[in-house]
Amino acid sequence: MATLYVGNLPWSTKADDLQEVFSQYGEVLSSRVITDRETGRSRGFGFVEVNDADAEKMIAALNGSDFGGRAITVNEAKSREAGQV
């Protein structure tokens, strides 16, 4: 399983929207849009869990593509531990 980071999402994006778009290129295991704890508003990014075999194909197809009028960023998510110094 691979986790893909999806950035620059329109504020109105829901997890189902991500699943619908990514499922055109392979199997989506789960999807989520990150929201602000206090306001409940989208923070403009999310994560999609996919099969390893489909991850590169999805990144190549969707990175920089138009999603609701915005060019989204799609790449493999880094673990929290990897980002800490």
N, C-alpha and C. Protein backbone atom coordinates (compact mmCIF):
# COMPACT_ATOMS: atom_id res chain seq x y z
N MET A 1 0.85 -1.18 0.00
CA MET A 1 0.00 0.00 0.00
C MET A 1 0.89 1.24 0.00
N ALA A 2 0.50 2.25 -0.79
CA ALA A 2 1.21 3.52 -0.84
C ALA A 2 0.24 4.63 -0.46
N THR A 3 0.77 5.67 0.18
CA THR A 3 -0.05 6.82 0.54
C THR A 3 0.41 8.00 -0.30
N LEU A 4 -0.54 8.60 -1.01
CA LEU A 4 -0.24 9.74 -1.85
C LEU A 4 -0.72 11.03 -1.19
N TYR A 5 0.13 12.04 -1.22
CA TYR A 5 -0.22 13.38 -0.74
C TYR A 5 -0.86 14.12 -1.92
N VAL A 6 -1.94 14.81 -1.66
CA VAL A 6 -2.61 15.60 -2.69
C VAL A 6 -2.76 17.03 -2.17
N GLY A 7 -2.07 17.97 -2.80
CA GLY A 7 -2.08 19.35 -2.33
C GLY A 7 -2.72 20.30 -3.32
N ASN A 8 -2.99 21.52 -2.84
CA ASN A 8 -3.60 22.61 -3.61
C ASN A 8 -5.04 22.28 -4.02
N LEU A 9 -5.73 21.60 -3.13
CA LEU A 9 -7.13 21.23 -3.40
C LEU A 9 -8.05 22.42 -3.20
N PRO A 10 -9.11 22.51 -3.99
CA PRO A 10 -10.13 23.52 -3.72
C PRO A 10 -10.74 23.28 -2.33
N TRP A 11 -11.15 24.35 -1.67
CA TRP A 11 -11.66 24.24 -0.29
C TRP A 11 -12.89 23.34 -0.18
N SER A 12 -13.63 23.22 -1.25
CA SER A 12 -14.89 22.45 -1.20
C SER A 12 -14.69 20.95 -1.43
N THR A 13 -13.46 20.50 -1.63
CA THR A 13 -13.19 19.10 -1.95
C THR A 13 -13.56 18.19 -0.78
N LYS A 14 -14.22 17.09 -1.11
CA LYS A 14 -14.57 16.06 -0.12
C LYS A 14 -13.77 14.79 -0.43
N ALA A 15 -13.69 13.90 0.54
CA ALA A 15 -12.96 12.64 0.37
C ALA A 15 -13.52 11.84 -0.81
N ASP A 16 -14.82 11.87 -0.98
CA ASP A 16 -15.44 11.15 -2.10
C ASP A 16 -14.99 11.69 -3.45
N ASP A 17 -14.74 13.00 -3.50
CA ASP A 17 -14.26 13.62 -4.75
C ASP A 17 -12.88 13.06 -5.10
N LEU A 18 -12.01 12.96 -4.10
CA LEU A 18 -10.67 12.40 -4.35
C LEU A 18 -10.77 10.96 -4.82
N GLN A 19 -11.60 10.19 -4.15
CA GLN A 19 -11.75 8.78 -4.52
C GLN A 19 -12.22 8.64 -5.96
N GLU A 20 -13.17 9.46 -6.34
CA GLU A 20 -13.71 9.39 -7.69
C GLU A 20 -12.64 9.67 -8.75
N VAL A 21 -11.84 10.70 -8.54
CA VAL A 21 -10.81 11.07 -9.52
C VAL A 21 -9.70 10.02 -9.57
N PHE A 22 -9.20 9.61 -8.41
CA PHE A 22 -8.07 8.68 -8.39
C PHE A 22 -8.47 7.28 -8.85
N SER A 23 -9.71 6.88 -8.64
CA SER A 23 -10.14 5.54 -9.03
C SER A 23 -10.17 5.35 -10.54
N GLN A 24 -10.06 6.45 -11.30
CA GLN A 24 -9.97 6.32 -12.76
C GLN A 24 -8.64 5.71 -13.18
N TYR A 25 -7.65 5.72 -12.28
CA TYR A 25 -6.31 5.24 -12.61
C TYR A 25 -5.88 4.02 -11.81
N GLY A 26 -6.77 3.47 -10.98
CA GLY A 26 -6.43 2.29 -10.20
C GLY A 26 -7.33 2.18 -8.98
N GLU A 27 -6.99 1.22 -8.12
CA GLU A 27 -7.81 0.97 -6.94
C GLU A 27 -7.46 1.93 -5.80
N VAL A 28 -8.47 2.57 -5.26
CA VAL A 28 -8.31 3.47 -4.12
C VAL A 28 -8.78 2.73 -2.87
N LEU A 29 -7.89 2.63 -1.88
CA LEU A 29 -8.24 1.92 -0.65
C LEU A 29 -8.95 2.85 0.34
N SER A 30 -8.52 4.10 0.38
CA SER A 30 -9.19 5.10 1.22
C SER A 30 -8.75 6.49 0.79
N SER A 31 -9.52 7.48 1.18
CA SER A 31 -9.15 8.86 0.88
C SER A 31 -9.65 9.75 2.01
N ARG A 32 -8.93 10.84 2.24
CA ARG A 32 -9.37 11.78 3.27
C ARG A 32 -8.85 13.17 2.95
N VAL A 33 -9.64 14.15 3.33
CA VAL A 33 -9.25 15.55 3.20
C VAL A 33 -9.00 16.05 4.62
N ILE A 34 -7.87 16.71 4.81
CA ILE A 34 -7.51 17.19 6.15
C ILE A 34 -8.25 18.50 6.42
N THR A 35 -8.87 18.57 7.60
CA THR A 35 -9.63 19.76 7.98
C THR A 35 -9.05 20.39 9.24
N ASP A 36 -9.33 21.66 9.40
CA ASP A 36 -8.89 22.38 10.59
C ASP A 36 -9.70 21.88 11.79
N ARG A 37 -9.02 21.62 12.88
CA ARG A 37 -9.70 21.09 14.06
C ARG A 37 -10.74 22.04 14.63
N GLU A 38 -10.45 23.31 14.61
CA GLU A 38 -11.35 24.28 15.23
C GLU A 38 -12.50 24.71 14.33
N THR A 39 -12.21 24.93 13.05
CA THR A 39 -13.25 25.45 12.15
C THR A 39 -13.93 24.36 11.33
N GLY A 40 -13.27 23.21 11.16
CA GLY A 40 -13.82 22.15 10.33
C GLY A 40 -13.63 22.39 8.85
N ARG A 41 -12.99 23.49 8.51
CA ARG A 41 -12.76 23.86 7.11
C ARG A 41 -11.57 23.08 6.55
N SER A 42 -11.66 22.75 5.27
CA SER A 42 -10.56 22.04 4.61
C SER A 42 -9.28 22.86 4.71
N ARG A 43 -8.16 22.15 4.84
CA ARG A 43 -6.86 22.83 4.87
C ARG A 43 -6.21 22.82 3.49
N GLY A 44 -6.92 22.28 2.50
CA GLY A 44 -6.42 22.34 1.12
C GLY A 44 -5.52 21.19 0.72
N PHE A 45 -5.46 20.16 1.53
CA PHE A 45 -4.69 18.98 1.14
C PHE A 45 -5.33 17.73 1.72
N GLY A 46 -4.91 16.58 1.18
CA GLY A 46 -5.46 15.32 1.64
C GLY A 46 -4.53 14.18 1.30
N PHE A 47 -4.99 12.97 1.60
CA PHE A 47 -4.21 11.78 1.35
C PHE A 47 -5.09 10.70 0.73
N VAL A 48 -4.49 9.93 -0.18
CA VAL A 48 -5.19 8.83 -0.81
C VAL A 48 -4.32 7.59 -0.66
N GLU A 49 -4.89 6.53 -0.13
CA GLU A 49 -4.17 5.26 0.00
C GLU A 49 -4.54 4.38 -1.18
N VAL A 50 -3.50 3.88 -1.87
CA VAL A 50 -3.70 3.10 -3.09
C VAL A 50 -2.79 1.88 -3.07
N ASN A 51 -3.03 0.97 -4.01
CA ASN A 51 -2.12 -0.17 -4.17
C ASN A 51 -0.79 0.33 -4.70
N ASP A 52 0.30 -0.31 -4.26
CA ASP A 52 1.64 0.08 -4.71
C ASP A 52 1.74 0.10 -6.23
N ALA A 53 1.12 -0.87 -6.87
CA ALA A 53 1.22 -1.00 -8.32
C ALA A 53 0.59 0.18 -9.06
N ASP A 54 -0.35 0.86 -8.44
CA ASP A 54 -1.06 1.97 -9.10
C ASP A 54 -0.47 3.33 -8.76
N ALA A 55 0.36 3.44 -7.74
CA ALA A 55 0.81 4.74 -7.23
C ALA A 55 1.53 5.57 -8.29
N GLU A 56 2.53 5.01 -8.94
CA GLU A 56 3.30 5.79 -9.92
C GLU A 56 2.43 6.23 -11.09
N LYS A 57 1.52 5.36 -11.50
CA LYS A 57 0.62 5.70 -12.61
C LYS A 57 -0.28 6.88 -12.21
N MET A 58 -0.76 6.89 -10.98
CA MET A 58 -1.62 7.98 -10.51
C MET A 58 -0.85 9.28 -10.40
N ILE A 59 0.38 9.21 -9.89
CA ILE A 59 1.20 10.42 -9.76
C ILE A 59 1.46 11.01 -11.14
N ALA A 60 1.85 10.16 -12.09
CA ALA A 60 2.15 10.63 -13.45
C ALA A 60 0.92 11.24 -14.10
N ALA A 61 -0.24 10.68 -13.87
CA ALA A 61 -1.46 11.15 -14.53
C ALA A 61 -2.04 12.39 -13.87
N LEU A 62 -1.91 12.51 -12.55
CA LEU A 62 -2.66 13.56 -11.86
C LEU A 62 -1.82 14.72 -11.33
N ASN A 63 -0.53 14.56 -11.16
CA ASN A 63 0.29 15.66 -10.66
C ASN A 63 0.27 16.82 -11.66
N GLY A 64 -0.17 17.97 -11.20
CA GLY A 64 -0.25 19.16 -12.05
C GLY A 64 -1.54 19.25 -12.85
N SER A 65 -2.40 18.27 -12.69
CA SER A 65 -3.66 18.29 -13.46
C SER A 65 -4.66 19.26 -12.82
N ASP A 66 -5.66 19.62 -13.59
CA ASP A 66 -6.70 20.53 -13.12
C ASP A 66 -7.73 19.77 -12.29
N PHE A 67 -8.00 20.30 -11.12
CA PHE A 67 -9.00 19.71 -10.23
C PHE A 67 -9.81 20.86 -9.65
N GLY A 68 -11.00 21.02 -10.14
CA GLY A 68 -11.85 22.11 -9.66
C GLY A 68 -11.27 23.49 -9.94
N GLY A 69 -10.51 23.61 -11.03
CA GLY A 69 -9.94 24.89 -11.39
C GLY A 69 -8.57 25.17 -10.80
N ARG A 70 -8.00 24.20 -10.10
CA ARG A 70 -6.68 24.37 -9.49
C ARG A 70 -5.75 23.25 -9.96
N ALA A 71 -4.48 23.57 -10.10
CA ALA A 71 -3.48 22.55 -10.48
C ALA A 71 -3.04 21.84 -9.21
N ILE A 72 -3.40 20.57 -9.08
CA ILE A 72 -3.10 19.85 -7.84
C ILE A 72 -1.69 19.27 -7.87
N THR A 73 -1.15 19.08 -6.68
CA THR A 73 0.15 18.45 -6.50
C THR A 73 -0.10 17.04 -5.97
N VAL A 74 0.49 16.05 -6.64
CA VAL A 74 0.33 14.66 -6.19
C VAL A 74 1.72 14.05 -6.12
N ASN A 75 2.09 13.57 -4.94
CA ASN A 75 3.34 12.83 -4.80
C ASN A 75 3.22 11.84 -3.65
N GLU A 76 4.22 10.99 -3.52
CA GLU A 76 4.15 9.99 -2.46
C GLU A 76 4.35 10.69 -1.12
N ALA A 77 3.46 10.39 -0.17
CA ALA A 77 3.52 11.03 1.14
C ALA A 77 4.74 10.55 1.90
N LYS A 78 5.32 11.47 2.66
CA LYS A 78 6.45 11.13 3.52
C LYS A 78 5.92 10.87 4.92
N SER A 79 6.52 9.93 5.60
CA SER A 79 6.07 9.66 6.97
C SER A 79 6.46 10.83 7.86
N ARG A 80 5.76 11.01 8.94
CA ARG A 80 6.06 12.11 9.85
C ARG A 80 7.49 12.00 10.39
N GLU A 81 7.94 10.78 10.65
CA GLU A 81 9.28 10.59 11.20
C GLU A 81 10.34 11.06 10.21
N ALA A 82 10.09 10.84 8.89
CA ALA A 82 11.06 11.21 7.88
C ALA A 82 11.22 12.72 7.79
N GLY A 83 10.18 13.48 8.12
CA GLY A 83 10.23 14.92 8.01
C GLY A 83 10.86 15.60 9.23
N GLN A 84 11.03 14.86 10.31
CA GLN A 84 11.59 15.46 11.52
C GLN A 84 13.11 15.41 11.49
N VAL A 85 13.72 16.41 12.06
CA VAL A 85 15.18 16.47 12.11
C VAL A 85 15.64 16.09 13.49
